[in-house]
Amino acid sequence: MAVQYAETHLASPDHYRTKDSILKEPFGVRPASAITPQEIDEWLSKHCKTNATANRYRAFFLLPIASAWRAVGSSGRVGR
């Protein structure tokens, strides 16, 4: 979902496509609700050498959530 959002709203979605392909191996196509924060933190600690890189991957994970929050808006309702 992050890649779809990036392709629609960002000028350069290539970084998101790369992150998506890297994360498909450890996390597969499971829904976000099936991936625990502990799994994400464990993967980040094993594969990211710097905090900056880990933060970029965290942002990638959060992009679909953030876009859903924007869709809800201040009304608190989905699908307005």
N, C-alpha and C. Protein backbone atom coordinates (compact mmCIF):
# COMPACT_ATOMS: atom_id res chain seq x y z
N MET A 1 0.81 -1.19 0.00
CA MET A 1 0.00 0.00 0.00
C MET A 1 0.86 1.27 0.00
N ALA A 2 2.02 1.22 0.64
CA ALA A 2 2.90 2.38 0.65
C ALA A 2 3.37 2.71 -0.76
N VAL A 3 3.64 1.69 -1.55
CA VAL A 3 4.09 1.92 -2.92
C VAL A 3 2.98 2.57 -3.74
N GLN A 4 1.76 2.10 -3.58
CA GLN A 4 0.63 2.69 -4.30
C GLN A 4 0.48 4.16 -3.93
N TYR A 5 0.58 4.46 -2.65
CA TYR A 5 0.48 5.84 -2.19
C TYR A 5 1.61 6.67 -2.80
N ALA A 6 2.83 6.15 -2.76
CA ALA A 6 3.99 6.89 -3.28
C ALA A 6 3.85 7.14 -4.78
N GLU A 7 3.36 6.14 -5.51
CA GLU A 7 3.20 6.31 -6.96
C GLU A 7 2.16 7.37 -7.29
N THR A 8 1.17 7.51 -6.44
CA THR A 8 0.11 8.48 -6.67
C THR A 8 0.49 9.88 -6.20
N HIS A 9 1.16 9.99 -5.06
CA HIS A 9 1.34 11.28 -4.42
C HIS A 9 2.77 11.83 -4.42
N LEU A 10 3.75 11.03 -4.74
CA LEU A 10 5.14 11.50 -4.67
C LEU A 10 5.77 11.55 -6.05
N ALA A 11 6.69 12.48 -6.22
CA ALA A 11 7.35 12.65 -7.52
C ALA A 11 8.31 11.50 -7.83
N SER A 12 8.92 10.91 -6.81
CA SER A 12 9.91 9.86 -7.02
C SER A 12 9.62 8.65 -6.12
N PRO A 13 8.79 7.73 -6.59
CA PRO A 13 8.43 6.57 -5.76
C PRO A 13 9.44 5.42 -5.82
N ASP A 14 10.56 5.60 -6.50
CA ASP A 14 11.52 4.50 -6.68
C ASP A 14 12.05 3.95 -5.36
N HIS A 15 12.32 4.80 -4.39
CA HIS A 15 12.82 4.34 -3.10
C HIS A 15 11.79 3.44 -2.40
N TYR A 16 10.53 3.77 -2.60
CA TYR A 16 9.47 2.96 -1.98
C TYR A 16 9.36 1.59 -2.64
N ARG A 17 9.56 1.55 -3.94
CA ARG A 17 9.54 0.25 -4.64
C ARG A 17 10.69 -0.63 -4.14
N THR A 18 11.86 -0.03 -3.95
CA THR A 18 13.02 -0.77 -3.45
C THR A 18 12.76 -1.31 -2.05
N LYS A 19 12.27 -0.46 -1.16
CA LYS A 19 11.98 -0.91 0.21
C LYS A 19 10.93 -2.02 0.20
N ASP A 20 9.94 -1.88 -0.66
CA ASP A 20 8.89 -2.89 -0.75
C ASP A 20 9.47 -4.24 -1.15
N SER A 21 10.36 -4.25 -2.13
CA SER A 21 10.95 -5.53 -2.57
C SER A 21 11.85 -6.12 -1.49
N ILE A 22 12.55 -5.28 -0.73
CA ILE A 22 13.41 -5.77 0.35
C ILE A 22 12.57 -6.37 1.48
N LEU A 23 11.45 -5.76 1.80
CA LEU A 23 10.64 -6.19 2.94
C LEU A 23 9.69 -7.34 2.62
N LYS A 24 9.53 -7.67 1.35
CA LYS A 24 8.63 -8.78 1.01
C LYS A 24 9.15 -10.12 1.51
N GLU A 25 10.47 -10.29 1.55
CA GLU A 25 11.02 -11.56 2.01
C GLU A 25 10.72 -11.81 3.49
N PRO A 26 11.05 -10.88 4.39
CA PRO A 26 10.80 -11.19 5.80
C PRO A 26 9.33 -11.08 6.23
N PHE A 27 8.57 -10.21 5.57
CA PHE A 27 7.19 -9.98 6.03
C PHE A 27 6.12 -10.50 5.07
N GLY A 28 6.52 -10.85 3.86
CA GLY A 28 5.57 -11.40 2.90
C GLY A 28 4.45 -10.44 2.57
N VAL A 29 3.31 -11.00 2.30
CA VAL A 29 2.14 -10.19 1.95
C VAL A 29 1.10 -10.21 3.07
N ARG A 30 1.60 -10.42 4.29
CA ARG A 30 0.69 -10.43 5.45
C ARG A 30 0.06 -9.06 5.63
N PRO A 31 -1.16 -9.02 6.15
CA PRO A 31 -1.75 -7.72 6.45
C PRO A 31 -0.97 -7.04 7.58
N ALA A 32 -1.02 -5.74 7.60
CA ALA A 32 -0.27 -4.99 8.61
C ALA A 32 -0.67 -5.40 10.02
N SER A 33 -1.91 -5.78 10.21
CA SER A 33 -2.36 -6.17 11.54
C SER A 33 -1.70 -7.45 12.03
N ALA A 34 -1.13 -8.22 11.12
CA ALA A 34 -0.46 -9.47 11.49
C ALA A 34 1.02 -9.29 11.78
N ILE A 35 1.55 -8.10 11.55
CA ILE A 35 2.96 -7.81 11.79
C ILE A 35 3.06 -7.03 13.10
N THR A 36 3.83 -7.56 14.03
CA THR A 36 3.94 -6.92 15.33
C THR A 36 5.05 -5.87 15.33
N PRO A 37 4.93 -4.87 16.19
CA PRO A 37 6.02 -3.90 16.32
C PRO A 37 7.34 -4.56 16.72
N GLN A 38 7.26 -5.64 17.49
CA GLN A 38 8.47 -6.35 17.89
C GLN A 38 9.16 -6.97 16.68
N GLU A 39 8.38 -7.52 15.74
CA GLU A 39 8.97 -8.07 14.52
C GLU A 39 9.69 -6.99 13.72
N ILE A 40 9.05 -5.84 13.61
CA ILE A 40 9.65 -4.74 12.86
C ILE A 40 10.94 -4.29 13.53
N ASP A 41 10.89 -4.08 14.85
CA ASP A 41 12.09 -3.65 15.57
C ASP A 41 13.22 -4.67 15.47
N GLU A 42 12.88 -5.94 15.55
CA GLU A 42 13.89 -6.99 15.44
C GLU A 42 14.54 -6.97 14.06
N TRP A 43 13.73 -6.83 13.02
CA TRP A 43 14.28 -6.79 11.66
C TRP A 43 15.16 -5.56 11.48
N LEU A 44 14.67 -4.41 11.96
CA LEU A 44 15.44 -3.18 11.82
C LEU A 44 16.79 -3.27 12.53
N SER A 45 16.79 -3.84 13.73
CA SER A 45 18.05 -3.93 14.48
C SER A 45 19.05 -4.87 13.81
N LYS A 46 18.58 -5.87 13.09
CA LYS A 46 19.48 -6.80 12.41
C LYS A 46 19.96 -6.27 11.06
N HIS A 47 19.16 -5.46 10.39
CA HIS A 47 19.47 -5.10 9.01
C HIS A 47 19.85 -3.64 8.77
N CYS A 48 19.62 -2.77 9.72
CA CYS A 48 19.94 -1.35 9.53
C CYS A 48 21.14 -0.98 10.37
N LYS A 49 22.16 -0.46 9.70
CA LYS A 49 23.40 -0.13 10.40
C LYS A 49 23.34 1.23 11.08
N THR A 50 22.46 2.11 10.61
CA THR A 50 22.37 3.44 11.21
C THR A 50 20.93 3.74 11.61
N ASN A 51 20.78 4.66 12.55
CA ASN A 51 19.44 5.08 12.96
C ASN A 51 18.68 5.73 11.81
N ALA A 52 19.39 6.45 10.97
CA ALA A 52 18.74 7.12 9.84
C ALA A 52 18.10 6.10 8.90
N THR A 53 18.80 5.02 8.61
CA THR A 53 18.24 3.98 7.75
C THR A 53 17.03 3.33 8.41
N ALA A 54 17.14 3.02 9.69
CA ALA A 54 16.02 2.43 10.41
C ALA A 54 14.81 3.36 10.39
N ASN A 55 15.03 4.65 10.55
CA ASN A 55 13.93 5.61 10.52
C ASN A 55 13.26 5.67 9.15
N ARG A 56 14.03 5.51 8.10
CA ARG A 56 13.43 5.50 6.75
C ARG A 56 12.52 4.29 6.56
N TYR A 57 12.96 3.14 7.07
CA TYR A 57 12.11 1.95 6.99
C TYR A 57 10.88 2.09 7.88
N ARG A 58 11.04 2.69 9.05
CA ARG A 58 9.87 2.94 9.92
C ARG A 58 8.86 3.83 9.21
N ALA A 59 9.36 4.86 8.54
CA ALA A 59 8.48 5.77 7.80
C ALA A 59 7.74 5.01 6.70
N PHE A 60 8.43 4.08 6.06
CA PHE A 60 7.80 3.27 5.01
C PHE A 60 6.66 2.46 5.61
N PHE A 61 6.87 1.85 6.77
CA PHE A 61 5.82 1.09 7.43
C PHE A 61 4.64 1.98 7.81
N LEU A 62 4.92 3.21 8.22
CA LEU A 62 3.88 4.11 8.71
C LEU A 62 3.13 4.85 7.61
N LEU A 63 3.64 4.87 6.39
CA LEU A 63 3.01 5.64 5.33
C LEU A 63 1.54 5.25 5.10
N PRO A 64 1.20 3.97 5.01
CA PRO A 64 -0.22 3.64 4.83
C PRO A 64 -1.09 4.06 6.01
N ILE A 65 -0.55 3.96 7.21
CA ILE A 65 -1.30 4.36 8.40
C ILE A 65 -1.52 5.87 8.37
N ALA A 66 -0.48 6.61 8.06
CA ALA A 66 -0.59 8.07 8.02
C ALA A 66 -1.57 8.51 6.94
N SER A 67 -1.56 7.84 5.79
CA SER A 67 -2.49 8.22 4.73
C SER A 67 -3.93 7.91 5.13
N ALA A 68 -4.14 6.84 5.88
CA ALA A 68 -5.48 6.52 6.38
C ALA A 68 -5.94 7.59 7.37
N TRP A 69 -5.02 8.04 8.23
CA TRP A 69 -5.37 9.09 9.18
C TRP A 69 -5.76 10.37 8.45
N ARG A 70 -5.03 10.69 7.37
CA ARG A 70 -5.37 11.88 6.59
C ARG A 70 -6.74 11.72 5.94
N ALA A 71 -7.06 10.50 5.48
CA ALA A 71 -8.36 10.25 4.85
C ALA A 71 -9.49 10.42 5.85
N VAL A 72 -9.24 10.05 7.09
CA VAL A 72 -10.25 10.21 8.13
C VAL A 72 -10.47 11.69 8.41
N GLY A 73 -9.38 12.44 8.45
CA GLY A 73 -9.47 13.88 8.67
C GLY A 73 -9.94 14.23 10.07
N SER A 74 -10.31 15.44 10.24
CA SER A 74 -10.69 15.91 11.57
C SER A 74 -12.06 15.42 12.01
N SER A 75 -12.87 14.93 11.07
CA SER A 75 -14.20 14.46 11.42
C SER A 75 -14.18 13.15 12.17
N GLY A 76 -13.09 12.38 12.00
CA GLY A 76 -13.03 11.08 12.64
C GLY A 76 -13.78 10.01 11.90
N ARG A 77 -14.24 10.31 10.68
CA ARG A 77 -14.99 9.33 9.90
C ARG A 77 -14.22 8.92 8.66
N VAL A 78 -14.29 7.64 8.34
CA VAL A 78 -13.66 7.14 7.13
C VAL A 78 -14.64 7.28 5.98
N GLY A 79 -14.11 7.61 4.80
CA GLY A 79 -14.93 7.62 3.59
C GLY A 79 -15.76 8.86 3.36
N ARG A 80 -15.31 9.99 3.82
CA ARG A 80 -16.04 11.24 3.58
C ARG A 80 -15.84 11.74 2.20
